[in-house]
């Protein structure tokens, strides 16, 4: 449903605007859901039985903008690499539809807009996400210089847990539960990004860039199993530091079973299977969110 809605917005947009919507990946909501959902876990946990609708809206809109800015920077930096990979060659910067300068200006505009949106909740939340911007800019270079770029990505994406908590509380003095959710989100990122990277592993090998697919090779599923356990463990530990009820623990365990099923079933040598499993990872995020909400009432 969300995928059709997002794709429809892009398809019906004016021709002059459409390349920029494609640049921010508005037609592919999986990316911003994977960024947003850990933030919503924190919003729900911080809000208790009285969720703050304004915080949810602010955090959601800002997530789309931050992710759009990150994609714009990434495509500007990776334009030469993207042009050599079949799956990414049609991206606006790689194909020459948008120039590098315009892509970076668009990234900056989205980054500033995200700060202004988050400031509606409180300035502290804006400062937290702003502090992550240097890391977002650095990420595209990690695949060239760092042996495990996914680990850097996991660190960056999970900052949104802290953003979500701060948007509700207005405090940068974060309790232990926040760090449990941060760990849960980070290890989940290692799962879905490793699966995603297997789509392009042959291209990455030829071009000479690094990825989890090339790092783990045939041992990928064994590593994914470890990350699943650590992700679920982080979320469970976060719950143990707050007054949530039994439903939280039951549903989180079910979410872990679902994520384990995805790891077992994915064919890492089939790009379509990798993409479908990457998209299905969003369901894990929604189930964890349901666990946090249910835990407030049991």
Protein backbone atom coordinates (compact mmCIF):
# COMPACT_ATOMS: atom_id res chain seq x y z
CA UNK A 1 0.00 0.00 0.00
CA UNK A 2 2.67 2.51 1.04
CA UNK A 3 4.86 1.45 -1.89
CA UNK A 4 2.02 2.08 -4.36
CA UNK A 5 1.21 5.42 -2.76
CA UNK A 6 4.83 6.59 -2.85
CA UNK A 7 5.32 5.40 -6.42
CA UNK A 8 2.06 7.13 -7.42
CA UNK A 9 3.20 10.45 -5.99
CA UNK A 10 6.43 10.25 -7.98
CA UNK A 11 4.72 9.13 -11.18
CA UNK A 12 2.15 11.95 -11.07
CA UNK A 13 4.64 14.66 -10.19
CA UNK A 14 5.72 17.31 -12.76
CA UNK A 15 8.61 16.31 -14.99
CA UNK A 16 10.90 18.94 -13.50
CA UNK A 17 10.29 17.67 -9.97
CA UNK A 18 10.29 13.92 -10.59
CA UNK A 19 14.10 13.47 -10.80
CA UNK A 20 14.49 15.04 -7.35
CA UNK A 21 11.81 12.78 -5.87
CA UNK A 22 13.67 9.83 -7.38
CA UNK A 23 16.93 11.18 -5.98
CA UNK A 24 15.47 11.19 -2.46
CA UNK A 25 14.04 7.67 -3.15
CA UNK A 26 10.50 8.78 -2.38
CA UNK A 27 9.28 5.96 -4.65
CA UNK A 28 11.07 3.41 -2.44
CA UNK A 29 9.71 3.80 1.09
CA UNK A 30 11.52 0.75 2.47
CA UNK A 31 14.63 2.82 3.17
CA UNK A 32 12.94 5.50 5.19
CA UNK A 33 10.81 2.94 7.06
CA UNK A 34 13.97 1.10 8.13
CA UNK A 35 15.36 4.43 9.35
CA UNK A 36 12.11 5.62 10.93
CA UNK A 37 10.86 2.53 12.75
CA UNK A 38 13.53 2.38 15.50
CA UNK A 39 12.74 6.04 16.14
CA UNK A 40 9.07 5.14 16.54
CA UNK A 41 10.01 2.37 18.98
CA UNK A 42 11.59 5.05 21.13
CA UNK A 43 8.65 7.44 20.70
CA UNK A 44 6.22 4.73 21.84
CA UNK A 45 8.37 3.67 24.78
CA UNK A 46 8.93 7.25 25.94
CA UNK A 47 5.25 8.19 25.53
CA UNK A 48 3.84 5.37 27.68
CA UNK A 49 0.08 4.88 27.47
CA UNK A 50 -0.42 8.35 26.06
CA UNK A 51 1.32 8.50 22.68
CA UNK A 52 2.08 11.98 21.43
CA UNK A 53 0.61 12.26 17.88
CA UNK A 54 2.60 15.42 17.14
CA UNK A 55 5.87 13.65 18.02
CA UNK A 56 4.96 10.76 15.72
CA UNK A 57 4.24 13.10 12.80
CA UNK A 58 7.34 15.22 13.36
CA UNK A 59 9.64 12.19 13.66
CA UNK A 60 8.10 10.58 10.56
CA UNK A 61 8.38 13.65 8.33
CA UNK A 62 11.93 14.35 9.48
CA UNK A 63 12.93 10.73 8.77
CA UNK A 64 11.85 11.06 5.13
CA UNK A 65 13.85 14.28 4.79
CA UNK A 66 17.00 12.98 6.50
CA UNK A 67 16.94 9.80 4.46
CA UNK A 68 16.38 11.87 1.30
CA UNK A 69 19.37 14.03 2.16
CA UNK A 70 21.49 10.93 2.79
CA UNK A 71 20.49 9.40 -0.55
CA UNK A 72 21.26 12.67 -2.36
CA UNK A 73 24.75 12.85 -0.85
CA UNK A 74 25.33 9.15 -1.45
CA UNK A 75 24.36 9.40 -5.13
CA UNK A 76 26.59 12.43 -5.68
CA UNK A 77 29.59 10.65 -4.15
CA UNK A 78 28.83 7.28 -5.78
CA UNK A 79 27.88 8.55 -9.24
CA UNK A 80 30.76 6.81 -11.00
CA UNK A 81 30.21 3.54 -9.13
CA UNK A 82 26.44 3.65 -9.66
CA UNK A 83 26.93 4.15 -13.39
CA UNK A 84 28.77 0.80 -13.56
CA UNK A 85 26.09 -1.22 -11.73
CA UNK A 86 22.99 -2.29 -13.66
CA UNK A 87 20.62 -1.77 -10.71
CA UNK A 88 21.77 1.81 -10.02
CA UNK A 89 22.83 3.12 -13.44
CA UNK A 90 19.50 4.91 -13.96
CA UNK A 91 19.74 6.94 -10.74
CA UNK A 92 19.44 10.68 -11.49
CA UNK A 93 23.04 11.69 -10.76
CA UNK A 94 24.62 8.58 -12.29
CA UNK A 95 22.56 9.02 -15.46
CA UNK A 96 23.28 12.76 -15.67
CA UNK A 97 19.69 13.88 -15.12
CA UNK A 98 20.75 15.89 -12.07
CA UNK A 99 24.16 17.51 -11.69
CA UNK A 100 26.35 16.94 -8.66
CA UNK A 101 26.01 20.55 -7.47
CA UNK A 102 22.22 20.45 -7.62
CA UNK A 103 22.16 17.10 -5.83
CA UNK A 104 24.24 18.50 -2.98
CA UNK A 105 22.12 21.65 -2.75
CA UNK A 106 19.01 19.46 -2.60
CA UNK A 107 20.64 17.39 0.14
CA UNK A 108 21.41 20.51 2.15
CA UNK A 109 17.85 21.80 1.73
CA UNK A 110 16.39 18.53 3.00
CA UNK A 111 18.82 18.43 5.93
CA UNK A 112 17.87 21.96 7.01
CA UNK A 113 14.16 21.22 6.56
CA UNK A 114 14.51 18.15 8.80
CA UNK A 115 16.08 20.28 11.53
CA UNK A 116 13.23 22.79 11.32
CA UNK A 117 10.61 20.02 11.45
CA UNK A 118 12.19 18.38 14.49
CA UNK A 119 12.48 21.76 16.20
CA UNK A 120 8.66 21.78 16.27
CA UNK A 121 8.96 19.00 18.86
CA UNK A 122 11.97 20.53 20.61
CA UNK A 123 15.35 21.98 19.73
CA UNK A 124 17.15 19.11 21.48
CA UNK A 125 15.79 16.56 18.97
CA UNK A 126 16.99 18.75 16.11
CA UNK A 127 20.44 18.99 17.68
CA UNK A 128 20.66 15.19 18.02
CA UNK A 129 19.88 14.53 14.37
CA UNK A 130 22.11 17.43 13.34
CA UNK A 131 25.00 15.82 15.18
CA UNK A 132 24.57 12.76 12.94
CA UNK A 133 24.95 14.74 9.70
CA UNK A 134 28.76 14.48 9.52
CA UNK A 135 28.40 10.71 9.85
CA UNK A 136 25.78 10.65 7.07
CA UNK A 137 28.13 12.58 4.79
CA UNK A 138 31.03 10.27 5.67
CA UNK A 139 29.15 7.02 5.02
CA UNK A 140 29.50 6.91 1.19
CA UNK A 141 33.27 6.98 1.59
CA UNK A 142 33.31 4.07 4.06
CA UNK A 143 32.86 1.44 1.35
CA UNK A 144 36.14 2.67 -0.12
CA UNK A 145 38.25 2.83 3.04
CA UNK A 146 36.58 0.70 5.73
CA UNK A 147 36.40 -3.08 5.59
CA UNK A 148 32.87 -3.23 7.06
CA UNK A 149 30.84 -0.19 5.91
CA UNK A 150 27.58 -1.71 7.21
CA UNK A 151 28.85 -1.33 10.77
CA UNK A 152 29.26 2.40 10.19
CA UNK A 153 25.79 2.55 8.61
CA UNK A 154 24.28 0.75 11.60
CA UNK A 155 25.79 3.31 13.95
CA UNK A 156 24.36 6.17 11.86
CA UNK A 157 20.86 4.78 11.34
CA UNK A 158 20.31 3.90 14.99
CA UNK A 159 20.83 7.50 16.01
CA UNK A 160 17.15 7.87 15.15
CA UNK A 161 16.31 5.95 18.32
CA UNK A 162 17.85 8.79 20.29
CA UNK A 163 16.03 11.33 18.10
CA UNK A 164 12.67 9.65 18.77
CA UNK A 165 13.19 9.55 22.53
CA UNK A 166 14.37 13.16 22.64
CA UNK A 167 11.43 14.36 20.52
CA UNK A 168 9.07 13.11 23.25
CA UNK A 169 11.04 13.95 26.38
CA UNK A 170 13.01 17.01 25.34
CA UNK A 171 15.92 15.62 27.33
CA UNK A 172 19.38 14.55 26.20
CA UNK A 173 19.84 12.64 29.46
CA UNK A 174 18.89 9.23 28.07
CA UNK A 175 18.03 6.23 30.27
CA UNK A 176 19.52 2.74 29.67
CA UNK A 177 16.43 1.65 27.70
CA UNK A 178 17.42 4.02 24.89
CA UNK A 179 20.76 2.28 24.47
CA UNK A 180 19.04 -1.11 24.41
CA UNK A 181 16.84 0.07 21.55
CA UNK A 182 19.89 1.61 19.88
CA UNK A 183 21.66 -1.77 19.98
CA UNK A 184 18.53 -3.52 18.74
CA UNK A 185 18.26 -1.14 15.80
CA UNK A 186 21.97 -1.29 15.00
CA UNK A 187 22.12 -5.08 14.84
CA UNK A 188 18.91 -5.13 12.81
CA UNK A 189 20.59 -2.77 10.33
CA UNK A 190 23.48 -5.22 10.05
CA UNK A 191 20.94 -7.89 9.09
CA UNK A 192 19.01 -6.05 6.40
CA UNK A 193 22.01 -4.21 4.95
CA UNK A 194 23.99 -7.43 4.57
CA UNK A 195 21.06 -8.98 2.70
CA UNK A 196 20.75 -5.84 0.55
CA UNK A 197 24.46 -5.89 -0.29
CA UNK A 198 24.25 -9.39 -1.76
CA UNK A 199 22.31 -7.93 -4.70
CA UNK A 200 25.44 -6.21 -6.02
CA UNK A 201 28.25 -8.41 -4.74
CA UNK A 202 29.61 -9.32 -8.18
CA UNK A 203 29.70 -5.68 -9.24
CA UNK A 204 31.28 -4.67 -5.93
CA UNK A 205 33.98 -7.31 -6.39
CA UNK A 206 34.82 -6.05 -9.88
CA UNK A 207 34.74 -2.38 -8.94
CA UNK A 208 36.70 -2.88 -5.73
CA UNK A 209 34.31 -1.46 -3.13
CA UNK A 210 33.65 -3.16 0.20
CA UNK A 211 30.42 -4.65 1.52
CA UNK A 212 29.08 -7.14 4.06
CA UNK A 213 28.41 -9.57 1.23
CA UNK A 214 32.08 -9.67 0.30
CA UNK A 215 33.27 -9.58 3.92
CA UNK A 216 31.17 -12.53 5.12
CA UNK A 217 30.86 -14.49 1.88
CA UNK A 218 29.45 -17.97 2.40
CA UNK A 219 29.36 -17.41 6.17
CA UNK A 220 26.83 -14.59 5.80
CA UNK A 221 23.87 -16.52 7.20
CA UNK A 222 25.82 -17.59 10.26
CA UNK A 223 26.67 -13.96 10.96
CA UNK A 224 23.08 -12.91 10.32
CA UNK A 225 21.91 -15.41 12.92
CA UNK A 226 24.23 -13.79 15.48
CA UNK A 227 22.94 -10.32 14.58
CA UNK A 228 19.31 -11.45 14.90
CA UNK A 229 19.97 -12.71 18.42
CA UNK A 230 21.77 -9.50 19.38
CA UNK A 231 19.07 -7.30 17.88
CA UNK A 232 16.26 -9.08 19.70
CA UNK A 233 18.36 -9.18 22.85
CA UNK A 234 18.90 -5.42 22.74
CA UNK A 235 15.17 -4.76 22.44
CA UNK A 236 14.35 -7.22 25.23
CA UNK A 237 16.94 -5.60 27.49
CA UNK A 238 15.43 -2.18 26.75
CA UNK A 239 12.05 -3.52 27.85
CA UNK A 240 13.53 -4.92 31.05
CA UNK A 241 14.64 -1.39 31.99
CA UNK A 242 11.08 -0.01 31.70
CA UNK A 243 7.70 -1.00 33.21
CA UNK A 244 6.33 -2.89 30.19
CA UNK A 245 4.11 -5.95 30.53
CA UNK A 246 4.27 -9.55 29.38
CA UNK A 247 2.85 -8.83 25.90
CA UNK A 248 6.00 -6.89 25.04
CA UNK A 249 8.26 -9.89 25.63
CA UNK A 250 5.97 -12.32 23.82
CA UNK A 251 5.65 -10.17 20.73
CA UNK A 252 9.37 -9.34 20.60
CA UNK A 253 10.18 -13.08 20.65
CA UNK A 254 7.69 -13.59 17.81
CA UNK A 255 9.39 -10.78 15.90
CA UNK A 256 12.71 -12.55 16.40
CA UNK A 257 11.22 -15.76 15.02
CA UNK A 258 9.98 -13.86 11.96
CA UNK A 259 13.38 -12.25 11.36
CA UNK A 260 15.03 -15.66 11.71
CA UNK A 261 12.61 -17.04 9.12
CA UNK A 262 13.63 -14.30 6.70
CA UNK A 263 17.29 -15.17 7.17
CA UNK A 264 16.65 -18.86 6.60
CA UNK A 265 14.55 -18.42 3.48
CA UNK A 266 16.57 -15.77 1.61
CA UNK A 267 18.63 -16.96 -1.36
CA UNK A 268 21.71 -14.76 -1.17
CA UNK A 269 22.67 -15.64 -4.74
CA UNK A 270 19.33 -14.40 -6.12
CA UNK A 271 19.08 -10.58 -6.30
CA UNK A 272 15.27 -10.67 -6.36
CA UNK A 273 15.15 -12.83 -3.24
CA UNK A 274 17.55 -10.42 -1.53
CA UNK A 275 15.44 -7.41 -2.47
CA UNK A 276 12.16 -9.05 -1.40
CA UNK A 277 13.70 -10.04 1.95
CA UNK A 278 15.15 -6.56 2.43
CA UNK A 279 11.66 -5.11 1.96
CA UNK A 280 10.12 -7.74 4.27
CA UNK A 281 12.44 -6.57 7.05
CA UNK A 282 10.08 -3.64 7.59
CA UNK A 283 7.55 -6.09 9.07
CA UNK A 284 10.03 -6.88 11.84
CA UNK A 285 10.17 -3.18 12.67
CA UNK A 286 6.38 -2.91 12.76
CA UNK A 287 6.09 -5.98 14.99
CA UNK A 288 8.58 -4.52 17.47
CA UNK A 289 6.57 -1.29 17.46
CA UNK A 290 3.42 -3.31 18.19
CA UNK A 291 5.28 -5.01 21.06
CA UNK A 292 6.21 -1.69 22.63
CA UNK A 293 2.64 -0.39 22.36
CA UNK A 294 1.09 -3.62 23.66
CA UNK A 295 3.56 -3.71 26.52
CA UNK A 296 2.21 -0.42 27.85
CA UNK A 297 -1.21 -1.96 28.50
CA UNK A 298 -0.39 -5.44 29.92
